[in-house]
PDB file of N, CA and C in Angstrom:
ATOM      1  N   MET A   1     -86.413  25.166 -20.575  1.00  0.00           N
ATOM      2  CA  MET A   1     -87.578  25.875 -20.139  1.00  0.00           C
ATOM      3  C   MET A   1     -88.835  25.153 -20.564  1.00  0.00           C
ATOM      4  N   ASN A   2     -89.796  24.995 -19.696  1.00  0.00           N
ATOM      5  CA  ASN A   2     -91.073  24.371 -19.968  1.00  0.00           C
ATOM      6  C   ASN A   2     -91.878  25.326 -20.785  1.00  0.00           C
ATOM      7  N   PRO A   3     -92.409  24.848 -22.003  1.00  0.00           N
ATOM      8  CA  PRO A   3     -93.213  25.746 -22.812  1.00  0.00           C
ATOM      9  C   PRO A   3     -94.501  26.263 -22.188  1.00  0.00           C
ATOM     10  N   LYS A   4     -94.929  25.571 -21.189  1.00  0.00           N
ATOM     11  CA  LYS A   4     -96.182  26.058 -20.500  1.00  0.00           C
ATOM     12  C   LYS A   4     -95.830  27.037 -19.389  1.00  0.00           C
ATOM     13  N   GLU A   5     -94.626  27.168 -19.033  1.00  0.00           N
ATOM     14  CA  GLU A   5     -94.231  28.048 -17.979  1.00  0.00           C
ATOM     15  C   GLU A   5     -94.237  29.496 -18.463  1.00  0.00           C
ATOM     16  N   PRO A   6     -94.837  30.454 -17.743  1.00  0.00           N
ATOM     17  CA  PRO A   6     -94.843  31.830 -18.263  1.00  0.00           C
ATOM     18  C   PRO A   6     -93.478  32.434 -18.366  1.00  0.00           C
ATOM     19  N   LEU A   7     -93.221  33.258 -19.296  1.00  0.00           N
ATOM     20  CA  LEU A   7     -91.905  33.926 -19.496  1.00  0.00           C
ATOM     21  C   LEU A   7     -91.717  34.939 -18.350  1.00  0.00           C
ATOM     22  N   LYS A   8     -90.538  34.863 -17.792  1.00  0.00           N
ATOM     23  CA  LYS A   8     -90.235  35.746 -16.631  1.00  0.00           C
ATOM     24  C   LYS A   8     -89.398  36.915 -17.124  1.00  0.00           C
ATOM     25  N   ILE A   9     -89.946  38.051 -17.085  1.00  0.00           N
ATOM     26  CA  ILE A   9     -89.310  39.259 -17.417  1.00  0.00           C
ATOM     27  C   ILE A   9     -88.783  40.009 -16.168  1.00  0.00           C
ATOM     28  N   PRO A  10     -87.560  40.393 -16.191  1.00  0.00           N
ATOM     29  CA  PRO A  10     -87.067  41.094 -14.953  1.00  0.00           C
ATOM     30  C   PRO A  10     -87.800  42.375 -14.691  1.00  0.00           C
ATOM     31  N   LEU A  11     -87.856  42.670 -13.442  1.00  0.00           N
ATOM     32  CA  LEU A  11     -88.525  43.941 -13.005  1.00  0.00           C
ATOM     33  C   LEU A  11     -87.688  45.107 -13.473  1.00  0.00           C
ATOM     34  N   PRO A  12     -88.303  46.234 -13.856  1.00  0.00           N
ATOM     35  CA  PRO A  12     -87.560  47.415 -14.274  1.00  0.00           C
ATOM     36  C   PRO A  12     -86.661  47.845 -13.217  1.00  0.00           C
ATOM     37  N   THR A  13     -85.514  48.485 -13.594  1.00  0.00           N
ATOM     38  CA  THR A  13     -84.668  49.161 -12.650  1.00  0.00           C
ATOM     39  C   THR A  13     -85.393  50.402 -12.004  1.00  0.00           C
ATOM     40  N   ARG A  14     -85.190  50.606 -10.755  1.00  0.00           N
ATOM     41  CA  ARG A  14     -85.788  51.777 -10.196  1.00  0.00           C
ATOM     42  C   ARG A  14     -85.257  53.067 -10.787  1.00  0.00           C
ATOM     43  N   PHE A  15     -86.116  54.027 -11.002  1.00  0.00           N
ATOM     44  CA  PHE A  15     -85.748  55.337 -11.585  1.00  0.00           C
ATOM     45  C   PHE A  15     -85.472  56.317 -10.507  1.00  0.00           C
ATOM     46  N   LEU A  16     -84.258  56.867 -10.524  1.00  0.00           N
ATOM     47  CA  LEU A  16     -83.860  57.753  -9.392  1.00  0.00           C
ATOM     48  C   LEU A  16     -83.925  59.227  -9.833  1.00  0.00           C
ATOM     49  N   GLY A  17     -84.298  59.517 -11.107  1.00  0.00           N
ATOM     50  CA  GLY A  17     -84.393  60.840 -11.623  1.00  0.00           C
ATOM     51  C   GLY A  17     -83.033  61.343 -12.075  1.00  0.00           C
ATOM     52  N   LYS A  18     -82.045  60.479 -12.241  1.00  0.00           N
ATOM     53  CA  LYS A  18     -80.737  60.798 -12.720  1.00  0.00           C
ATOM     54  C   LYS A  18     -80.727  61.215 -14.179  1.00  0.00           C
ATOM     55  N   LEU A  19     -80.131  62.264 -14.478  1.00  0.00           N
ATOM     56  CA  LEU A  19     -80.031  62.808 -15.837  1.00  0.00           C
ATOM     57  C   LEU A  19     -79.420  61.789 -16.794  1.00  0.00           C
ATOM     58  N   GLY A  20     -80.043  61.499 -17.889  1.00  0.00           N
ATOM     59  CA  GLY A  20     -79.592  60.573 -18.869  1.00  0.00           C
ATOM     60  C   GLY A  20     -80.026  59.191 -18.750  1.00  0.00           C
ATOM     61  N   THR A  21     -80.942  58.903 -17.751  1.00  0.00           N
ATOM     62  CA  THR A  21     -81.369  57.504 -17.554  1.00  0.00           C
ATOM     63  C   THR A  21     -82.859  57.327 -17.912  1.00  0.00           C
ATOM     64  N   LEU A  22     -83.538  58.374 -18.224  1.00  0.00           N
ATOM     65  CA  LEU A  22     -85.010  58.327 -18.454  1.00  0.00           C
ATOM     66  C   LEU A  22     -85.317  57.397 -19.613  1.00  0.00           C
ATOM     67  N   ARG A  23     -84.730  57.559 -20.739  1.00  0.00           N
ATOM     68  CA  ARG A  23     -85.083  56.771 -21.850  1.00  0.00           C
ATOM     69  C   ARG A  23     -84.895  55.259 -21.614  1.00  0.00           C
ATOM     70  N   THR A  24     -83.853  54.841 -20.974  1.00  0.00           N
ATOM     71  CA  THR A  24     -83.652  53.463 -20.633  1.00  0.00           C
ATOM     72  C   THR A  24     -84.681  52.995 -19.646  1.00  0.00           C
ATOM     73  N   TYR A  25     -85.061  53.786 -18.667  1.00  0.00           N
ATOM     74  CA  TYR A  25     -86.129  53.498 -17.769  1.00  0.00           C
ATOM     75  C   TYR A  25     -87.485  53.219 -18.496  1.00  0.00           C
ATOM     76  N   LEU A  26     -87.806  54.178 -19.376  1.00  0.00           N
ATOM     77  CA  LEU A  26     -89.091  54.039 -20.070  1.00  0.00           C
ATOM     78  C   LEU A  26     -89.145  52.778 -20.968  1.00  0.00           C
ATOM     79  N   THR A  27     -87.995  52.460 -21.632  1.00  0.00           N
ATOM     80  CA  THR A  27     -87.897  51.288 -22.451  1.00  0.00           C
ATOM     81  C   THR A  27     -88.098  50.037 -21.594  1.00  0.00           C
ATOM     82  N   GLN A  28     -87.431  49.953 -20.460  1.00  0.00           N
ATOM     83  CA  GLN A  28     -87.652  48.854 -19.564  1.00  0.00           C
ATOM     84  C   GLN A  28     -89.083  48.732 -19.059  1.00  0.00           C
ATOM     85  N   LEU A  29     -89.754  49.842 -18.865  1.00  0.00           N
ATOM     86  CA  LEU A  29     -91.173  49.811 -18.438  1.00  0.00           C
ATOM     87  C   LEU A  29     -92.006  49.286 -19.576  1.00  0.00           C
ATOM     88  N   ARG A  30     -91.778  49.813 -20.806  1.00  0.00           N
ATOM     89  CA  ARG A  30     -92.569  49.275 -21.932  1.00  0.00           C
ATOM     90  C   ARG A  30     -92.490  47.777 -22.098  1.00  0.00           C
ATOM     91  N   LEU A  31     -91.270  47.239 -22.001  1.00  0.00           N
ATOM     92  CA  LEU A  31     -91.046  45.814 -22.117  1.00  0.00           C
ATOM     93  C   LEU A  31     -91.745  45.092 -20.982  1.00  0.00           C
ATOM     94  N   TYR A  32     -91.619  45.545 -19.750  1.00  0.00           N
ATOM     95  CA  TYR A  32     -92.263  44.891 -18.631  1.00  0.00           C
ATOM     96  C   TYR A  32     -93.749  44.951 -18.776  1.00  0.00           C
ATOM     97  N   LEU A  33     -94.315  46.049 -19.188  1.00  0.00           N
ATOM     98  CA  LEU A  33     -95.789  46.139 -19.311  1.00  0.00           C
ATOM     99  C   LEU A  33     -96.365  45.307 -20.441  1.00  0.00           C
ATOM    100  N   CYS A  34     -95.519  45.103 -21.538  1.00  0.00           N
ATOM    101  CA  CYS A  34     -95.949  44.183 -22.582  1.00  0.00           C
ATOM    102  C   CYS A  34     -96.248  42.786 -22.093  1.00  0.00           C
ATOM    103  N   PHE A  35     -95.474  42.342 -21.123  1.00  0.00           N
ATOM    104  CA  PHE A  35     -95.649  41.020 -20.622  1.00  0.00           C
ATOM    105  C   PHE A  35     -96.593  40.974 -19.377  1.00  0.00           C
ATOM    106  N   GLN A  36     -97.007  42.089 -18.846  1.00  0.00           N
ATOM    107  CA  GLN A  36     -97.829  42.096 -17.662  1.00  0.00           C
ATOM    108  C   GLN A  36     -99.246  42.671 -17.988  1.00  0.00           C
ATOM    109  N   GLN A  37     -99.579  42.786 -19.234  1.00  0.00           N
ATOM    110  CA  GLN A  37    -100.913  43.427 -19.562  1.00  0.00           C
ATOM    111  C   GLN A  37    -102.119  42.598 -18.917  1.00  0.00           C
ATOM    112  N   SER A  38    -102.100  41.395 -18.953  1.00  0.00           N
ATOM    113  CA  SER A  38    -103.282  40.682 -18.438  1.00  0.00           C
ATOM    114  C   SER A  38    -103.326  40.870 -16.882  1.00  0.00           C
ATOM    115  N   ALA A  39    -102.172  40.945 -16.233  1.00  0.00           N
ATOM    116  CA  ALA A  39    -102.168  41.170 -14.759  1.00  0.00           C
ATOM    117  C   ALA A  39    -102.646  42.593 -14.385  1.00  0.00           C
ATOM    118  N   LEU A  40    -102.382  43.511 -15.282  1.00  0.00           N
ATOM    119  CA  LEU A  40    -102.760  44.965 -15.026  1.00  0.00           C
ATOM    120  C   LEU A  40    -104.087  45.326 -15.631  1.00  0.00           C
ATOM    121  N   LEU A  41    -104.795  44.335 -16.203  1.00  0.00           N
ATOM    122  CA  LEU A  41    -106.056  44.549 -16.791  1.00  0.00           C
ATOM    123  C   LEU A  41    -106.071  45.591 -17.933  1.00  0.00           C
ATOM    124  N   GLY A  42    -104.861  45.936 -18.428  1.00  0.00           N
ATOM    125  CA  GLY A  42    -104.802  46.807 -19.543  1.00  0.00           C
ATOM    126  C   GLY A  42    -105.169  48.234 -19.356  1.00  0.00           C
ATOM    127  N   THR A  43    -105.573  48.624 -18.150  1.00  0.00           N
ATOM    128  CA  THR A  43    -106.023  50.051 -18.030  1.00  0.00           C
ATOM    129  C   THR A  43    -104.847  50.932 -17.783  1.00  0.00           C
ATOM    130  N   HIS A  44    -104.938  52.138 -18.192  1.00  0.00           N
ATOM    131  CA  HIS A  44    -103.893  53.173 -18.052  1.00  0.00           C
ATOM    132  C   HIS A  44    -103.540  53.440 -16.636  1.00  0.00           C
ATOM    133  N   SER A  45    -104.591  53.533 -15.759  1.00  0.00           N
ATOM    134  CA  SER A  45    -104.326  53.880 -14.398  1.00  0.00           C
ATOM    135  C   SER A  45    -103.552  52.703 -13.764  1.00  0.00           C
ATOM    136  N   ASN A  46    -103.950  51.481 -13.974  1.00  0.00           N
ATOM    137  CA  ASN A  46    -103.228  50.331 -13.412  1.00  0.00           C
ATOM    138  C   ASN A  46    -101.748  50.291 -13.902  1.00  0.00           C
ATOM    139  N   LYS A  47    -101.465  50.717 -15.108  1.00  0.00           N
ATOM    140  CA  LYS A  47    -100.042  50.710 -15.583  1.00  0.00           C
ATOM    141  C   LYS A  47     -99.346  51.746 -14.843  1.00  0.00           C
ATOM    142  N   VAL A  48     -99.917  52.992 -14.720  1.00  0.00           N
ATOM    143  CA  VAL A  48     -99.188  54.047 -13.979  1.00  0.00           C
ATOM    144  C   VAL A  48     -98.978  53.685 -12.498  1.00  0.00           C
ATOM    145  N   LEU A  49    -100.002  53.051 -11.911  1.00  0.00           N
ATOM    146  CA  LEU A  49     -99.808  52.675 -10.478  1.00  0.00           C
ATOM    147  C   LEU A  49     -98.632  51.659 -10.375  1.00  0.00           C
ATOM    148  N   ALA A  50     -98.615  50.709 -11.306  1.00  0.00           N
ATOM    149  CA  ALA A  50     -97.586  49.705 -11.263  1.00  0.00           C
ATOM    150  C   ALA A  50     -96.203  50.230 -11.427  1.00  0.00           C
ATOM    151  N   ILE A  51     -96.028  51.132 -12.358  1.00  0.00           N
ATOM    152  CA  ILE A  51     -94.673  51.658 -12.549  1.00  0.00           C
ATOM    153  C   ILE A  51     -94.295  52.722 -11.562  1.00  0.00           C
ATOM    154  N   ALA A  52     -95.244  53.275 -10.937  1.00  0.00           N
ATOM    155  CA  ALA A  52     -94.941  54.251  -9.833  1.00  0.00           C
ATOM    156  C   ALA A  52     -94.116  53.589  -8.714  1.00  0.00           C
ATOM    157  N   ALA A  53     -94.276  52.314  -8.586  1.00  0.00           N
ATOM    158  CA  ALA A  53     -93.456  51.597  -7.554  1.00  0.00           C
ATOM    159  C   ALA A  53     -91.997  51.576  -7.865  1.00  0.00           C
ATOM    160  N   TYR A  54     -91.666  51.952  -9.110  1.00  0.00           N
ATOM    161  CA  TYR A  54     -90.246  51.928  -9.500  1.00  0.00           C
ATOM    162  C   TYR A  54     -89.597  53.318  -9.463  1.00  0.00           C
ATOM    163  N   LEU A  55     -90.283  54.273  -8.858  1.00  0.00           N
ATOM    164  CA  LEU A  55     -89.740  55.645  -8.730  1.00  0.00           C
ATOM    165  C   LEU A  55     -89.025  55.735  -7.414  1.00  0.00           C
ATOM    166  N   ASN A  56     -87.867  56.324  -7.371  1.00  0.00           N
ATOM    167  CA  ASN A  56     -87.123  56.575  -6.128  1.00  0.00           C
ATOM    168  C   ASN A  56     -86.509  57.961  -6.155  1.00  0.00           C
ATOM    169  N   ASN A  57     -86.076  58.420  -5.010  1.00  0.00           N
ATOM    170  CA  ASN A  57     -85.365  59.710  -4.851  1.00  0.00           C
ATOM    171  C   ASN A  57     -86.136  60.841  -5.425  1.00  0.00           C
ATOM    172  N   ASP A  58     -85.493  61.701  -6.237  1.00  0.00           N
ATOM    173  CA  ASP A  58     -86.142  62.895  -6.756  1.00  0.00           C
ATOM    174  C   ASP A  58     -87.358  62.564  -7.639  1.00  0.00           C
ATOM    175  N   ALA A  59     -87.302  61.502  -8.395  1.00  0.00           N
ATOM    176  CA  ALA A  59     -88.468  61.102  -9.201  1.00  0.00           C
ATOM    177  C   ALA A  59     -89.690  60.813  -8.320  1.00  0.00           C
ATOM    178  N   ALA A  60     -89.478  60.047  -7.252  1.00  0.00           N
ATOM    179  CA  ALA A  60     -90.524  59.657  -6.319  1.00  0.00           C
ATOM    180  C   ALA A  60     -91.139  60.897  -5.542  1.00  0.00           C
ATOM    181  N   ILE A  61     -90.242  61.776  -5.240  1.00  0.00           N
ATOM    182  CA  ILE A  61     -90.611  63.042  -4.581  1.00  0.00           C
ATOM    183  C   ILE A  61     -91.467  63.867  -5.467  1.00  0.00           C
ATOM    184  N   TRP A  62     -91.107  63.989  -6.777  1.00  0.00           N
ATOM    185  CA  TRP A  62     -91.923  64.756  -7.730  1.00  0.00           C
ATOM    186  C   TRP A  62     -93.308  64.134  -8.009  1.00  0.00           C
ATOM    187  N   PHE A  63     -93.369  62.751  -8.010  1.00  0.00           N
ATOM    188  CA  PHE A  63     -94.621  62.121  -8.402  1.00  0.00           C
ATOM    189  C   PHE A  63     -95.516  61.874  -7.234  1.00  0.00           C
ATOM    190  N   GLU A  64     -95.026  61.873  -5.964  1.00  0.00           N
ATOM    191  CA  GLU A  64     -95.788  61.593  -4.857  1.00  0.00           C
ATOM    192  C   GLU A  64     -97.070  62.314  -4.646  1.00  0.00           C
ATOM    193  N   PRO A  65     -97.077  63.678  -4.818  1.00  0.00           N
ATOM    194  CA  PRO A  65     -98.307  64.395  -4.615  1.00  0.00           C
ATOM    195  C   PRO A  65     -99.385  64.009  -5.661  1.00  0.00           C
ATOM    196  N   LEU A  66     -98.953  63.674  -6.858  1.00  0.00           N
ATOM    197  CA  LEU A  66     -99.909  63.207  -7.862  1.00  0.00           C
ATOM    198  C   LEU A  66    -100.485  61.838  -7.530  1.00  0.00           C
ATOM    199  N   LEU A  67     -99.688  61.014  -7.130  1.00  0.00           N
ATOM    200  CA  LEU A  67     -99.988  59.671  -6.708  1.00  0.00           C
ATOM    201  C   LEU A  67    -100.905  59.732  -5.524  1.00  0.00           C
ATOM    202  N   ARG A  68    -100.578  60.522  -4.539  1.00  0.00           N
ATOM    203  CA  ARG A  68    -101.398  60.603  -3.337  1.00  0.00           C
ATOM    204  C   ARG A  68    -102.867  61.168  -3.699  1.00  0.00           C
ATOM    205  N   GLU A  69    -102.882  62.143  -4.560  1.00  0.00           N
ATOM    206  CA  GLU A  69    -104.214  62.685  -4.936  1.00  0.00           C
ATOM    207  C   GLU A  69    -105.053  61.594  -5.606  1.00  0.00           C
ATOM    208  N   TYR A  70    -104.409  60.838  -6.474  1.00  0.00           N
ATOM    209  CA  TYR A  70    -105.127  59.783  -7.183  1.00  0.00           C
ATOM    210  C   TYR A  70    -105.664  58.734  -6.197  1.00  0.00           C
ATOM    211  N   LEU A  71    -104.767  58.333  -5.254  1.00  0.00           N
ATOM    212  CA  LEU A  71    -105.134  57.286  -4.256  1.00  0.00           C
ATOM    213  C   LEU A  71    -106.242  57.859  -3.361  1.00  0.00           C
ATOM    214  N   GLU A  72    -106.160  59.079  -3.000  1.00  0.00           N
ATOM    215  CA  GLU A  72    -107.236  59.665  -2.089  1.00  0.00           C
ATOM    216  C   GLU A  72    -108.580  59.698  -2.735  1.00  0.00           C
ATOM    217  N   LYS A  73    -108.582  60.113  -4.060  1.00  0.00           N
ATOM    218  CA  LYS A  73    -109.845  60.339  -4.766  1.00  0.00           C
ATOM    219  C   LYS A  73    -110.354  58.964  -5.308  1.00  0.00           C
ATOM    220  N   GLY A  74    -109.491  58.018  -5.638  1.00  0.00           N
ATOM    221  CA  GLY A  74    -109.918  56.704  -5.982  1.00  0.00           C
ATOM    222  C   GLY A  74    -110.297  56.546  -7.476  1.00  0.00           C
ATOM    223  N   ASN A  75    -110.295  57.655  -8.179  1.00  0.00           N
ATOM    224  CA  ASN A  75    -110.626  57.665  -9.598  1.00  0.00           C
ATOM    225  C   ASN A  75    -110.026  58.898 -10.190  1.00  0.00           C
ATOM    226  N   ALA A  76    -109.352  58.696 -11.323  1.00  0.00           N
ATOM    227  CA  ALA A  76    -108.736  59.846 -12.013  1.00  0.00           C
ATOM    228  C   ALA A  76    -109.658  60.888 -12.417  1.00  0.00           C
ATOM    229  N   ASN A  77    -110.944  60.529 -12.673  1.00  0.00           N
ATOM    230  CA  ASN A  77    -111.905  61.600 -13.149  1.00  0.00           C
ATOM    231  C   ASN A  77    -112.367  62.502 -12.023  1.00  0.00           C
ATOM    232  N   HIS A  78    -111.989  62.191 -10.800  1.00  0.00           N
ATOM    233  CA  HIS A  78    -112.318  63.013  -9.642  1.00  0.00           C
ATOM    234  C   HIS A  78    -111.117  63.886  -9.271  1.00  0.00           C
ATOM    235  N   CYS A  79    -110.064  63.807  -9.988  1.00  0.00           N
ATOM    236  CA  CYS A  79    -108.825  64.493  -9.677  1.00  0.00           C
ATOM    237  C   CYS A  79    -108.579  65.778 -10.445  1.00  0.00           C
ATOM    238  N   SER A  80    -107.564  66.536 -10.072  1.00  0.00           N
ATOM    239  CA  SER A  80    -107.202  67.690 -10.849  1.00  0.00           C
ATOM    240  C   SER A  80    -106.836  67.308 -12.291  1.00  0.00           C
ATOM    241  N   ASP A  81    -106.774  68.299 -13.176  1.00  0.00           N
ATOM    242  CA  ASP A  81    -106.515  68.021 -14.540  1.00  0.00           C
ATOM    243  C   ASP A  81    -105.200  67.304 -14.759  1.00  0.00           C
ATOM    244  N   PRO A  82    -104.064  67.751 -14.120  1.00  0.00           N
ATOM    245  CA  PRO A  82    -102.806  67.090 -14.401  1.00  0.00           C
ATOM    246  C   PRO A  82    -102.824  65.582 -13.894  1.00  0.00           C
ATOM    247  N   VAL A  83    -103.422  65.344 -12.820  1.00  0.00           N
ATOM    248  CA  VAL A  83    -103.542  63.910 -12.293  1.00  0.00           C
ATOM    249  C   VAL A  83    -104.438  63.108 -13.229  1.00  0.00           C
ATOM    250  N   LYS A  84    -105.513  63.687 -13.666  1.00  0.00           N
ATOM    251  CA  LYS A  84    -106.446  63.033 -14.547  1.00  0.00           C
ATOM    252  C   LYS A  84    -105.766  62.616 -15.862  1.00  0.00           C
ATOM    253  N   ALA A  85    -104.970  63.604 -16.394  1.00  0.00           N
ATOM    254  CA  ALA A  85    -104.290  63.367 -17.659  1.00  0.00           C
ATOM    255  C   ALA A  85    -103.250  62.216 -17.504  1.00  0.00           C
ATOM    256  N   ILE A  86    -102.505  62.221 -16.459  1.00  0.00           N
ATOM    257  CA  ILE A  86    -101.507  61.166 -16.196  1.00  0.00           C
ATOM    258  C   ILE A  86    -102.115  59.810 -15.991  1.00  0.00           C
ATOM    259  N   PHE A  87    -103.135  59.728 -15.186  1.00  0.00           N
ATOM    260  CA  PHE A  87    -103.674  58.371 -14.837  1.00  0.00           C
ATOM    261  C   PHE A  87    -104.681  57.892 -15.901  1.00  0.00           C
ATOM    262  N   ASN A  88    -105.143  58.754 -16.827  1.00  0.00           N
ATOM    263  CA  ASN A  88    -106.057  58.256 -17.923  1.00  0.00           C
ATOM    264  C   ASN A  88    -105.286  57.956 -19.188  1.00  0.00           C
ATOM    265  N   SER A  89    -103.929  58.265 -19.136  1.00  0.00           N
ATOM    266  CA  SER A  89    -103.179  57.974 -20.367  1.00  0.00           C
ATOM    267  C   SER A  89    -101.749  57.599 -19.963  1.00  0.00           C
ATOM    268  N   TYR A  90    -101.275  56.403 -20.239  1.00  0.00           N
ATOM    269  CA  TYR A  90     -99.893  56.022 -19.897  1.00  0.00           C
ATOM    270  C   TYR A  90     -98.909  56.887 -20.675  1.00  0.00           C
ATOM    271  N   ASN A  91     -99.280  57.228 -21.956  1.00  0.00           N
ATOM    272  CA  ASN A  91     -98.458  58.093 -22.736  1.00  0.00           C
ATOM    273  C   ASN A  91     -98.256  59.432 -22.111  1.00  0.00           C
ATOM    274  N   GLU A  92     -99.293  60.003 -21.458  1.00  0.00           N
ATOM    275  CA  GLU A  92     -99.103  61.212 -20.746  1.00  0.00           C
ATOM    276  C   GLU A  92     -98.165  61.100 -19.590  1.00  0.00           C
ATOM    277  N   TYR A  93     -98.182  59.931 -18.875  1.00  0.00           N
ATOM    278  CA  TYR A  93     -97.225  59.718 -17.820  1.00  0.00           C
ATOM    279  C   TYR A  93     -95.824  59.798 -18.343  1.00  0.00           C
ATOM    280  N   GLU A  94     -95.614  59.141 -19.491  1.00  0.00           N
ATOM    281  CA  GLU A  94     -94.200  59.170 -20.073  1.00  0.00           C
ATOM    282  C   GLU A  94     -93.831  60.574 -20.408  1.00  0.00           C
TER     283      GLU A  94
END
């Protein structure tokens, strides 16, 4: 491996909402985000947006209205309190 080459971290596994898989999913996300901080500009909303792409099935169905509201408003501070909380704090998303 070339020391100047960036470390390649695998993408997180998609979360399907299956019982018993949440902890592994969140751990994969934390690892991924550790290595992607500069690309995501370190903001909570960018982190939540990036990991929302890894939701599928029931998990995606649950999160879609929150994501849609955020995308339509363009700023968490213009959203309802639940959306504001999630997009202003990655810990709240978890």
